[in-house]
């Protein structure tokens, strides 16, 4: 994994730190900031896009490695040390460490759902219709499933999805 080119554009470490904090806020909280007007060192928006993509990939890597071995994350940070000067590396490591959980959480949310809804609960009932005005003595067992979903950013935004399946449809679904 290579650091984005924009990291080497900054000569002032305070500006680099502010940029990195903004980049992490963008990645973790979706806060979009006017990078080009705020940082005169950055002369092209492609550098910002590259940095945002790097941060997303890095978050996914942190999530993957945290589930396996936290020392692996430290090894990666050490490998990146050769790509920037020591002071910038120290700033990068500190900001990543401070935002580690948030970055992993955002990467997890990205993997869970593209629509940003997550499953919070479900209910099911077995239904056997003996007879109906539309069907005479069907006696086909069906299962009624209800998923309770909510968005990640707004707990009050809930949604229910309800559907009915036959045994064969349930087996295909599973």
C-alpha atoms as a PDB file:
ATOM      1  CA  UNK A   1       0.000   0.000   0.000  1.00  0.00           C
ATOM      2  CA  UNK A   2       1.385   3.369  -1.036  1.00  0.00           C
ATOM      3  CA  UNK A   3       0.655   6.712   0.537  1.00  0.00           C
ATOM      4  CA  UNK A   4      -1.024   9.249  -1.742  1.00  0.00           C
ATOM      5  CA  UNK A   5       1.181  11.823  -3.475  1.00  0.00           C
ATOM      6  CA  UNK A   6      -0.568  14.700  -1.737  1.00  0.00           C
ATOM      7  CA  UNK A   7       1.076  13.728   1.583  1.00  0.00           C
ATOM      8  CA  UNK A   8       4.460  14.810   0.167  1.00  0.00           C
ATOM      9  CA  UNK A   9       3.119  18.143  -1.125  1.00  0.00           C
ATOM     10  CA  UNK A  10       2.996  19.704   2.337  1.00  0.00           C
ATOM     11  CA  UNK A  11       6.118  21.386   3.683  1.00  0.00           C
ATOM     12  CA  UNK A  12       4.399  22.693   6.815  1.00  0.00           C
ATOM     13  CA  UNK A  13       3.594  19.866   9.246  1.00  0.00           C
ATOM     14  CA  UNK A  14       0.736  21.847  10.806  1.00  0.00           C
ATOM     15  CA  UNK A  15      -0.936  22.112   7.394  1.00  0.00           C
ATOM     16  CA  UNK A  16      -0.317  18.403   6.839  1.00  0.00           C
ATOM     17  CA  UNK A  17      -1.915  17.584  10.192  1.00  0.00           C
ATOM     18  CA  UNK A  18      -4.962  19.768   9.435  1.00  0.00           C
ATOM     19  CA  UNK A  19      -5.309  18.161   5.986  1.00  0.00           C
ATOM     20  CA  UNK A  20      -5.079  14.662   7.445  1.00  0.00           C
ATOM     21  CA  UNK A  21      -7.661  15.472  10.134  1.00  0.00           C
ATOM     22  CA  UNK A  22     -10.000  16.805   7.423  1.00  0.00           C
ATOM     23  CA  UNK A  23      -9.394  13.717   5.306  1.00  0.00           C
ATOM     24  CA  UNK A  24     -10.220  11.401   8.219  1.00  0.00           C
ATOM     25  CA  UNK A  25     -13.343  13.462   9.029  1.00  0.00           C
ATOM     26  CA  UNK A  26     -14.353  13.074   5.393  1.00  0.00           C
ATOM     27  CA  UNK A  27     -13.782   9.311   5.546  1.00  0.00           C
ATOM     28  CA  UNK A  28     -15.369   8.658   8.944  1.00  0.00           C
ATOM     29  CA  UNK A  29     -18.157  11.233   9.115  1.00  0.00           C
ATOM     30  CA  UNK A  30     -18.678  12.153   5.453  1.00  0.00           C
ATOM     31  CA  UNK A  31     -17.810  15.808   6.142  1.00  0.00           C
ATOM     32  CA  UNK A  32     -16.916  17.330   2.767  1.00  0.00           C
ATOM     33  CA  UNK A  33     -14.553  20.285   2.986  1.00  0.00           C
ATOM     34  CA  UNK A  34     -13.172  22.715   0.376  1.00  0.00           C
ATOM     35  CA  UNK A  35      -9.665  21.243   0.198  1.00  0.00           C
ATOM     36  CA  UNK A  36      -8.394  23.248  -2.773  1.00  0.00           C
ATOM     37  CA  UNK A  37      -9.256  26.653  -1.331  1.00  0.00           C
ATOM     38  CA  UNK A  38      -8.148  25.705   2.184  1.00  0.00           C
ATOM     39  CA  UNK A  39      -4.746  24.249   1.234  1.00  0.00           C
ATOM     40  CA  UNK A  40      -2.835  26.278  -1.380  1.00  0.00           C
ATOM     41  CA  UNK A  41      -0.229  23.478  -1.647  1.00  0.00           C
ATOM     42  CA  UNK A  42      -2.774  21.282  -3.409  1.00  0.00           C
ATOM     43  CA  UNK A  43      -3.019  22.354  -7.013  1.00  0.00           C
ATOM     44  CA  UNK A  44      -5.248  19.644  -8.490  1.00  0.00           C
ATOM     45  CA  UNK A  45      -8.390  17.871  -7.326  1.00  0.00           C
ATOM     46  CA  UNK A  46      -7.035  14.498  -8.516  1.00  0.00           C
ATOM     47  CA  UNK A  47      -4.700  14.584  -5.521  1.00  0.00           C
ATOM     48  CA  UNK A  48      -7.737  14.880  -3.222  1.00  0.00           C
ATOM     49  CA  UNK A  49      -9.543  12.012  -4.948  1.00  0.00           C
ATOM     50  CA  UNK A  50      -6.442   9.828  -4.639  1.00  0.00           C
ATOM     51  CA  UNK A  51      -6.181  10.677  -0.920  1.00  0.00           C
ATOM     52  CA  UNK A  52      -9.878   9.931  -0.322  1.00  0.00           C
ATOM     53  CA  UNK A  53      -9.573   6.572  -2.094  1.00  0.00           C
ATOM     54  CA  UNK A  54      -6.463   5.765  -0.090  1.00  0.00           C
ATOM     55  CA  UNK A  55      -8.239   6.582   3.175  1.00  0.00           C
ATOM     56  CA  UNK A  56     -11.196   4.357   2.238  1.00  0.00           C
ATOM     57  CA  UNK A  57      -8.870   1.462   1.327  1.00  0.00           C
ATOM     58  CA  UNK A  58      -6.811   2.043   4.443  1.00  0.00           C
ATOM     59  CA  UNK A  59      -9.975   1.953   6.590  1.00  0.00           C
ATOM     60  CA  UNK A  60     -10.979  -1.350   5.007  1.00  0.00           C
ATOM     61  CA  UNK A  61      -7.488  -2.719   5.646  1.00  0.00           C
ATOM     62  CA  UNK A  62      -7.624  -1.574   9.284  1.00  0.00           C
ATOM     63  CA  UNK A  63     -10.967  -3.327   9.704  1.00  0.00           C
ATOM     64  CA  UNK A  64      -9.649  -6.529   8.152  1.00  0.00           C
ATOM     65  CA  UNK A  65      -6.436  -6.554  10.173  1.00  0.00           C
ATOM     66  CA  UNK A  66      -8.100  -5.605  13.460  1.00  0.00           C
ATOM     67  CA  UNK A  67     -10.260  -8.692  13.200  1.00  0.00           C
ATOM     68  CA  UNK A  68      -7.141 -10.806  12.732  1.00  0.00           C
ATOM     69  CA  UNK A  69      -4.169  -9.203  14.420  1.00  0.00           C
ATOM     70  CA  UNK A  70      -3.575  -5.663  15.704  1.00  0.00           C
ATOM     71  CA  UNK A  71       0.204  -6.088  15.380  1.00  0.00           C
ATOM     72  CA  UNK A  72      -0.285  -6.356  11.621  1.00  0.00           C
ATOM     73  CA  UNK A  73      -1.637  -2.792  11.621  1.00  0.00           C
ATOM     74  CA  UNK A  74       1.514  -1.637  13.414  1.00  0.00           C
ATOM     75  CA  UNK A  75       3.653  -3.430  10.814  1.00  0.00           C
ATOM     76  CA  UNK A  76       1.816  -1.639   8.013  1.00  0.00           C
ATOM     77  CA  UNK A  77       2.334   1.726   9.694  1.00  0.00           C
ATOM     78  CA  UNK A  78       6.047   0.927   9.991  1.00  0.00           C
ATOM     79  CA  UNK A  79       6.213   0.039   6.267  1.00  0.00           C
ATOM     80  CA  UNK A  80       4.642   3.385   5.401  1.00  0.00           C
ATOM     81  CA  UNK A  81       7.351   5.131   7.431  1.00  0.00           C
ATOM     82  CA  UNK A  82       9.772   4.955   4.515  1.00  0.00           C
ATOM     83  CA  UNK A  83       7.367   6.855   2.243  1.00  0.00           C
ATOM     84  CA  UNK A  84       7.238  10.125   4.243  1.00  0.00           C
ATOM     85  CA  UNK A  85       9.475  12.016   6.611  1.00  0.00           C
ATOM     86  CA  UNK A  86       9.500  10.913  10.283  1.00  0.00           C
ATOM     87  CA  UNK A  87       7.528  13.902  11.623  1.00  0.00           C
ATOM     88  CA  UNK A  88       4.719  13.402   9.108  1.00  0.00           C
ATOM     89  CA  UNK A  89       4.725   9.674   9.854  1.00  0.00           C
ATOM     90  CA  UNK A  90       4.342  10.421  13.548  1.00  0.00           C
ATOM     91  CA  UNK A  91       1.406  12.751  12.810  1.00  0.00           C
ATOM     92  CA  UNK A  92      -0.153  10.145  10.503  1.00  0.00           C
ATOM     93  CA  UNK A  93       0.215   7.364  13.101  1.00  0.00           C
ATOM     94  CA  UNK A  94      -1.248   9.531  15.877  1.00  0.00           C
ATOM     95  CA  UNK A  95      -4.291  10.595  13.837  1.00  0.00           C
ATOM     96  CA  UNK A  96      -4.918   7.028  12.636  1.00  0.00           C
ATOM     97  CA  UNK A  97      -4.636   5.736  16.219  1.00  0.00           C
ATOM     98  CA  UNK A  98      -7.066   8.386  17.495  1.00  0.00           C
ATOM     99  CA  UNK A  99      -9.606   7.556  14.773  1.00  0.00           C
ATOM    100  CA  UNK A 100      -8.990   3.817  14.495  1.00  0.00           C
ATOM    101  CA  UNK A 101     -12.410   2.723  15.751  1.00  0.00           C
ATOM    102  CA  UNK A 102     -14.293   5.260  13.658  1.00  0.00           C
ATOM    103  CA  UNK A 103     -12.418   4.279  10.513  1.00  0.00           C
ATOM    104  CA  UNK A 104     -13.096   0.573  11.117  1.00  0.00           C
ATOM    105  CA  UNK A 105     -16.738   1.308  11.865  1.00  0.00           C
ATOM    106  CA  UNK A 106     -17.170   3.304   8.651  1.00  0.00           C
ATOM    107  CA  UNK A 107     -15.473   0.566   6.615  1.00  0.00           C
ATOM    108  CA  UNK A 108     -17.784  -1.989   8.210  1.00  0.00           C
ATOM    109  CA  UNK A 109     -20.859   0.121   7.438  1.00  0.00           C
ATOM    110  CA  UNK A 110     -19.725   0.417   3.831  1.00  0.00           C
ATOM    111  CA  UNK A 111     -19.464  -3.364   3.605  1.00  0.00           C
ATOM    112  CA  UNK A 112     -22.732  -4.065   5.409  1.00  0.00           C
ATOM    113  CA  UNK A 113     -25.016  -2.166   3.159  1.00  0.00           C
ATOM    114  CA  UNK A 114     -24.890   0.029   0.129  1.00  0.00           C
ATOM    115  CA  UNK A 115     -28.275   1.504   1.016  1.00  0.00           C
ATOM    116  CA  UNK A 116     -27.078   2.280   4.573  1.00  0.00           C
ATOM    117  CA  UNK A 117     -29.849   0.174   6.121  1.00  0.00           C
ATOM    118  CA  UNK A 118     -28.896  -2.508   8.621  1.00  0.00           C
ATOM    119  CA  UNK A 119     -30.915  -5.399   9.978  1.00  0.00           C
ATOM    120  CA  UNK A 120     -31.804  -4.796  13.616  1.00  0.00           C
ATOM    121  CA  UNK A 121     -34.442  -7.489  14.142  1.00  0.00           C
ATOM    122  CA  UNK A 122     -36.557 -10.046  12.340  1.00  0.00           C
ATOM    123  CA  UNK A 123     -39.752 -12.032  12.947  1.00  0.00           C
ATOM    124  CA  UNK A 124     -41.159 -15.069  11.237  1.00  0.00           C
ATOM    125  CA  UNK A 125     -44.378 -17.040  11.377  1.00  0.00           C
ATOM    126  CA  UNK A 126     -45.364 -20.336   9.838  1.00  0.00           C
ATOM    127  CA  UNK A 127     -48.654 -20.059   8.046  1.00  0.00           C
ATOM    128  CA  UNK A 128     -50.900 -22.865   6.847  1.00  0.00           C
ATOM    129  CA  UNK A 129     -53.904 -21.826   4.819  1.00  0.00           C
ATOM    130  CA  UNK A 130     -56.588 -24.496   5.032  1.00  0.00           C
ATOM    131  CA  UNK A 131     -58.893 -22.817   2.543  1.00  0.00           C
ATOM    132  CA  UNK A 132     -59.413 -19.484   0.916  1.00  0.00           C
ATOM    133  CA  UNK A 133     -61.933 -17.782  -1.324  1.00  0.00           C
ATOM    134  CA  UNK A 134     -59.233 -17.753  -4.011  1.00  0.00           C
ATOM    135  CA  UNK A 135     -57.891 -21.266  -3.418  1.00  0.00           C
ATOM    136  CA  UNK A 136     -59.826 -24.331  -2.444  1.00  0.00           C
ATOM    137  CA  UNK A 137     -58.035 -26.367   0.255  1.00  0.00           C
ATOM    138  CA  UNK A 138     -54.512 -25.277  -0.672  1.00  0.00           C
ATOM    139  CA  UNK A 139     -52.880 -26.572   2.525  1.00  0.00           C
ATOM    140  CA  UNK A 140     -49.467 -25.298   1.411  1.00  0.00           C
ATOM    141  CA  UNK A 141     -47.367 -24.143   4.372  1.00  0.00           C
ATOM    142  CA  UNK A 142     -45.742 -20.760   3.920  1.00  0.00           C
ATOM    143  CA  UNK A 143     -43.459 -18.691   6.079  1.00  0.00           C
ATOM    144  CA  UNK A 144     -44.032 -15.014   6.666  1.00  0.00           C
ATOM    145  CA  UNK A 145     -40.778 -13.127   7.288  1.00  0.00           C
ATOM    146  CA  UNK A 146     -40.515  -9.561   8.511  1.00  0.00           C
ATOM    147  CA  UNK A 147     -37.185  -7.697   8.550  1.00  0.00           C
ATOM    148  CA  UNK A 148     -36.795  -4.588  10.721  1.00  0.00           C
ATOM    149  CA  UNK A 149     -34.195  -2.212   9.268  1.00  0.00           C
ATOM    150  CA  UNK A 150     -32.827   1.160  10.279  1.00  0.00           C
ATOM    151  CA  UNK A 151     -30.379   3.599   8.755  1.00  0.00           C
ATOM    152  CA  UNK A 152     -26.935   4.022  10.217  1.00  0.00           C
ATOM    153  CA  UNK A 153     -27.059   7.786  10.391  1.00  0.00           C
ATOM    154  CA  UNK A 154     -30.588   8.220  11.776  1.00  0.00           C
ATOM    155  CA  UNK A 155     -31.837   5.746  14.378  1.00  0.00           C
ATOM    156  CA  UNK A 156     -35.392   7.062  14.032  1.00  0.00           C
ATOM    157  CA  UNK A 157     -35.430   6.163  10.324  1.00  0.00           C
ATOM    158  CA  UNK A 158     -36.795   2.608  10.453  1.00  0.00           C
ATOM    159  CA  UNK A 159     -38.241   0.388   7.756  1.00  0.00           C
ATOM    160  CA  UNK A 160     -40.084  -2.943   7.714  1.00  0.00           C
ATOM    161  CA  UNK A 161     -39.921  -5.414   4.865  1.00  0.00           C
ATOM    162  CA  UNK A 162     -42.468  -8.201   4.931  1.00  0.00           C
ATOM    163  CA  UNK A 163     -42.722 -11.117   2.523  1.00  0.00           C
ATOM    164  CA  UNK A 164     -44.169 -14.611   2.274  1.00  0.00           C
ATOM    165  CA  UNK A 165     -42.420 -17.685   0.879  1.00  0.00           C
ATOM    166  CA  UNK A 166     -43.124 -21.327   0.245  1.00  0.00           C
ATOM    167  CA  UNK A 167     -40.764 -24.014   1.534  1.00  0.00           C
ATOM    168  CA  UNK A 168     -38.993 -24.170  -1.839  1.00  0.00           C
ATOM    169  CA  UNK A 169     -38.593 -20.380  -2.005  1.00  0.00           C
ATOM    170  CA  UNK A 170     -37.243 -20.339   1.542  1.00  0.00           C
ATOM    171  CA  UNK A 171     -34.651 -22.994   0.689  1.00  0.00           C
ATOM    172  CA  UNK A 172     -33.551 -20.957  -2.344  1.00  0.00           C
ATOM    173  CA  UNK A 173     -33.408 -17.809  -0.243  1.00  0.00           C
ATOM    174  CA  UNK A 174     -31.264 -19.487   2.419  1.00  0.00           C
END
